[in-house]
Amino acid sequence: MTDELTAAQLDDFKNQLETLRVELESLLNISKSASDTVELDQPIGRISRIDAIQQQKMVAANRQRQRVRLQQCAAALKAMEEEEYGYCRRCDEPISLKRLRVRPEGPVCLQCQTALEAR
């Protein structure tokens, strides 16, 4: 890595990733019941049911994003164990320190992320 991460930086990122993992697991547990199937036989109006279904879909989408981030946290922690943390999974170039500070679980550099989003 051109800008090798110091041991202190790696420790800091590891702590951030472990904290994020706990937070995401907690959010997933809390939101589990909110994503359950909406019962349509409730004595509420049609608009209320549509709103309930929309809320359920939004919660489900948020839960999916949280699951992806949780998987990324696990992968980043594993990469640390294998001394591969901080390298892009697509181009194998170093991920900038600035990007890691914003998204320590991010598996790709900014250039590759931009290319993925352009698809």
C-alpha atoms as a PDB file:
ATOM      1  CA  MET A   1       0.000   0.000   0.000  1.00  0.00           C
ATOM      2  CA  THR A   2       1.427   3.350  -0.938  1.00  0.00           C
ATOM      3  CA  ASP A   3       0.127   4.940   2.230  1.00  0.00           C
ATOM      4  CA  GLU A   4       0.546   2.017   4.628  1.00  0.00           C
ATOM      5  CA  LEU A   5      -1.887   2.142   7.486  1.00  0.00           C
ATOM      6  CA  THR A   6      -0.188   2.411  10.846  1.00  0.00           C
ATOM      7  CA  ALA A   7      -0.906  -0.042  13.641  1.00  0.00           C
ATOM      8  CA  ALA A   8      -2.810   2.717  15.458  1.00  0.00           C
ATOM      9  CA  GLN A   9      -4.949   3.430  12.379  1.00  0.00           C
ATOM     10  CA  LEU A  10      -5.685  -0.266  11.941  1.00  0.00           C
ATOM     11  CA  ASP A  11      -6.697  -0.534  15.601  1.00  0.00           C
ATOM     12  CA  ASP A  12      -8.935   2.494  15.213  1.00  0.00           C
ATOM     13  CA  PHE A  13     -10.606   1.065  12.109  1.00  0.00           C
ATOM     14  CA  LYS A  14     -11.009  -2.313  13.805  1.00  0.00           C
ATOM     15  CA  ASN A  15     -12.745  -0.643  16.758  1.00  0.00           C
ATOM     16  CA  GLN A  16     -14.985   1.336  14.390  1.00  0.00           C
ATOM     17  CA  LEU A  17     -15.892  -1.827  12.466  1.00  0.00           C
ATOM     18  CA  GLU A  18     -16.676  -3.793  15.612  1.00  0.00           C
ATOM     19  CA  THR A  19     -18.828  -0.938  16.942  1.00  0.00           C
ATOM     20  CA  LEU A  20     -20.612  -0.646  13.595  1.00  0.00           C
ATOM     21  CA  ARG A  21     -21.203  -4.408  13.547  1.00  0.00           C
ATOM     22  CA  VAL A  22     -22.865  -4.276  16.979  1.00  0.00           C
ATOM     23  CA  GLU A  23     -24.983  -1.262  15.958  1.00  0.00           C
ATOM     24  CA  LEU A  24     -26.137  -2.919  12.730  1.00  0.00           C
ATOM     25  CA  GLU A  25     -26.999  -6.174  14.507  1.00  0.00           C
ATOM     26  CA  SER A  26     -29.012  -4.172  17.040  1.00  0.00           C
ATOM     27  CA  LEU A  27     -30.833  -2.220  14.315  1.00  0.00           C
ATOM     28  CA  LEU A  28     -31.664  -5.437  12.487  1.00  0.00           C
ATOM     29  CA  ASN A  29     -33.074  -6.963  15.660  1.00  0.00           C
ATOM     30  CA  ILE A  30     -35.106  -3.859  16.492  1.00  0.00           C
ATOM     31  CA  SER A  31     -36.545  -3.510  12.989  1.00  0.00           C
ATOM     32  CA  LYS A  32     -37.377  -7.193  12.540  1.00  0.00           C
ATOM     33  CA  SER A  33     -41.015  -6.908  13.623  1.00  0.00           C
ATOM     34  CA  ALA A  34     -41.520  -3.725  11.594  1.00  0.00           C
ATOM     35  CA  SER A  35     -40.768  -5.656   8.403  1.00  0.00           C
ATOM     36  CA  ASP A  36     -43.239  -8.452   9.136  1.00  0.00           C
ATOM     37  CA  THR A  37     -46.090  -8.947   6.717  1.00  0.00           C
ATOM     38  CA  VAL A  38     -48.850  -6.377   7.062  1.00  0.00           C
ATOM     39  CA  GLU A  39     -52.178  -7.916   7.967  1.00  0.00           C
ATOM     40  CA  LEU A  40     -54.767  -6.617   5.521  1.00  0.00           C
ATOM     41  CA  ASP A  41     -57.804  -7.790   7.494  1.00  0.00           C
ATOM     42  CA  GLN A  42     -57.333  -5.018  10.047  1.00  0.00           C
ATOM     43  CA  PRO A  43     -60.313  -2.718  10.571  1.00  0.00           C
ATOM     44  CA  ILE A  44     -58.502   0.234   9.015  1.00  0.00           C
ATOM     45  CA  GLY A  45     -59.143   2.124   5.834  1.00  0.00           C
ATOM     46  CA  ARG A  46     -57.641   1.407   2.450  1.00  0.00           C
ATOM     47  CA  ILE A  47     -55.283   4.409   2.644  1.00  0.00           C
ATOM     48  CA  SER A  48     -54.048   3.287   6.056  1.00  0.00           C
ATOM     49  CA  ARG A  49     -53.316  -0.188   4.698  1.00  0.00           C
ATOM     50  CA  ILE A  50     -51.461   1.249   1.696  1.00  0.00           C
ATOM     51  CA  ASP A  51     -49.441   3.442   4.055  1.00  0.00           C
ATOM     52  CA  ALA A  52     -48.678   0.440   6.292  1.00  0.00           C
ATOM     53  CA  ILE A  53     -47.505  -1.581   3.291  1.00  0.00           C
ATOM     54  CA  GLN A  54     -45.330   1.302   2.079  1.00  0.00           C
ATOM     55  CA  GLN A  55     -43.776   1.648   5.543  1.00  0.00           C
ATOM     56  CA  GLN A  56     -43.119  -2.092   5.617  1.00  0.00           C
ATOM     57  CA  LYS A  57     -41.368  -1.941   2.236  1.00  0.00           C
ATOM     58  CA  MET A  58     -39.209   0.972   3.371  1.00  0.00           C
ATOM     59  CA  VAL A  59     -38.206  -0.929   6.505  1.00  0.00           C
ATOM     60  CA  ALA A  60     -37.410  -4.003   4.391  1.00  0.00           C
ATOM     61  CA  ALA A  61     -35.207  -1.929   2.074  1.00  0.00           C
ATOM     62  CA  ASN A  62     -33.383  -0.386   5.056  1.00  0.00           C
ATOM     63  CA  ARG A  63     -32.899  -3.835   6.571  1.00  0.00           C
ATOM     64  CA  GLN A  64     -31.398  -5.072   3.296  1.00  0.00           C
ATOM     65  CA  ARG A  65     -28.917  -2.169   3.264  1.00  0.00           C
ATOM     66  CA  GLN A  66     -28.045  -2.896   6.900  1.00  0.00           C
ATOM     67  CA  ARG A  67     -27.463  -6.590   6.109  1.00  0.00           C
ATOM     68  CA  VAL A  68     -25.122  -5.631   3.256  1.00  0.00           C
ATOM     69  CA  ARG A  69     -23.173  -3.280   5.540  1.00  0.00           C
ATOM     70  CA  LEU A  70     -22.999  -6.014   8.178  1.00  0.00           C
ATOM     71  CA  GLN A  71     -21.549  -8.414   5.602  1.00  0.00           C
ATOM     72  CA  GLN A  72     -19.086  -5.730   4.552  1.00  0.00           C
ATOM     73  CA  CYS A  73     -18.033  -5.254   8.201  1.00  0.00           C
ATOM     74  CA  ALA A  74     -17.387  -8.979   8.544  1.00  0.00           C
ATOM     75  CA  ALA A  75     -15.410  -8.998   5.293  1.00  0.00           C
ATOM     76  CA  ALA A  76     -13.360  -5.955   6.374  1.00  0.00           C
ATOM     77  CA  LEU A  77     -12.559  -7.544   9.739  1.00  0.00           C
ATOM     78  CA  LYS A  78     -11.509 -10.742   7.957  1.00  0.00           C
ATOM     79  CA  ALA A  79      -9.349  -8.701   5.572  1.00  0.00           C
ATOM     80  CA  MET A  80      -7.645  -7.190   8.616  1.00  0.00           C
ATOM     81  CA  GLU A  81      -6.848 -10.659   9.926  1.00  0.00           C
ATOM     82  CA  GLU A  82      -5.381 -11.533   6.528  1.00  0.00           C
ATOM     83  CA  GLU A  83      -3.481  -8.208   6.365  1.00  0.00           C
ATOM     84  CA  GLU A  84      -5.394  -7.201   3.232  1.00  0.00           C
ATOM     85  CA  TYR A  85      -7.491  -4.415   4.753  1.00  0.00           C
ATOM     86  CA  GLY A  86      -7.392  -1.136   2.859  1.00  0.00           C
ATOM     87  CA  TYR A  87      -7.096  -2.615  -0.623  1.00  0.00           C
ATOM     88  CA  CYS A  88      -9.835  -2.377  -3.221  1.00  0.00           C
ATOM     89  CA  ARG A  89     -11.544  -5.697  -3.960  1.00  0.00           C
ATOM     90  CA  ARG A  90     -11.886  -4.782  -7.663  1.00  0.00           C
ATOM     91  CA  CYS A  91      -8.610  -3.153  -8.696  1.00  0.00           C
ATOM     92  CA  ASP A  92      -6.395  -4.190  -5.747  1.00  0.00           C
ATOM     93  CA  GLU A  93      -5.197  -0.594  -5.359  1.00  0.00           C
ATOM     94  CA  PRO A  94      -5.076   1.085  -1.946  1.00  0.00           C
ATOM     95  CA  ILE A  95      -8.303   2.655  -0.709  1.00  0.00           C
ATOM     96  CA  SER A  96      -7.662   6.223   0.377  1.00  0.00           C
ATOM     97  CA  LEU A  97      -7.497   6.960   4.090  1.00  0.00           C
ATOM     98  CA  LYS A  98     -10.160   9.635   3.610  1.00  0.00           C
ATOM     99  CA  ARG A  99     -12.583   7.058   2.162  1.00  0.00           C
ATOM    100  CA  LEU A 100     -11.818   4.524   4.893  1.00  0.00           C
ATOM    101  CA  ARG A 101     -12.567   7.170   7.520  1.00  0.00           C
ATOM    102  CA  VAL A 102     -15.998   7.761   5.970  1.00  0.00           C
ATOM    103  CA  ARG A 103     -16.809   4.110   5.238  1.00  0.00           C
ATOM    104  CA  PRO A 104     -14.369   1.772   7.022  1.00  0.00           C
ATOM    105  CA  GLU A 105     -16.312  -1.283   5.812  1.00  0.00           C
ATOM    106  CA  GLY A 106     -16.199  -0.160   2.184  1.00  0.00           C
ATOM    107  CA  PRO A 107     -14.699  -2.910   0.004  1.00  0.00           C
ATOM    108  CA  VAL A 108     -13.754  -0.760  -2.988  1.00  0.00           C
ATOM    109  CA  CYS A 109     -11.939   2.472  -3.739  1.00  0.00           C
ATOM    110  CA  LEU A 110     -13.824   5.574  -4.792  1.00  0.00           C
ATOM    111  CA  GLN A 111     -13.015   5.124  -8.483  1.00  0.00           C
ATOM    112  CA  CYS A 112     -14.365   1.565  -8.541  1.00  0.00           C
ATOM    113  CA  GLN A 113     -17.423   2.561  -6.495  1.00  0.00           C
ATOM    114  CA  THR A 114     -18.146   5.313  -9.004  1.00  0.00           C
ATOM    115  CA  ALA A 115     -17.820   2.807 -11.878  1.00  0.00           C
ATOM    116  CA  LEU A 116     -20.162   0.369 -10.115  1.00  0.00           C
ATOM    117  CA  GLU A 117     -22.781   3.068  -9.579  1.00  0.00           C
ATOM    118  CA  ALA A 118     -22.553   4.190 -13.223  1.00  0.00           C
ATOM    119  CA  ARG A 119     -23.756   0.789 -14.419  1.00  0.00           C
END
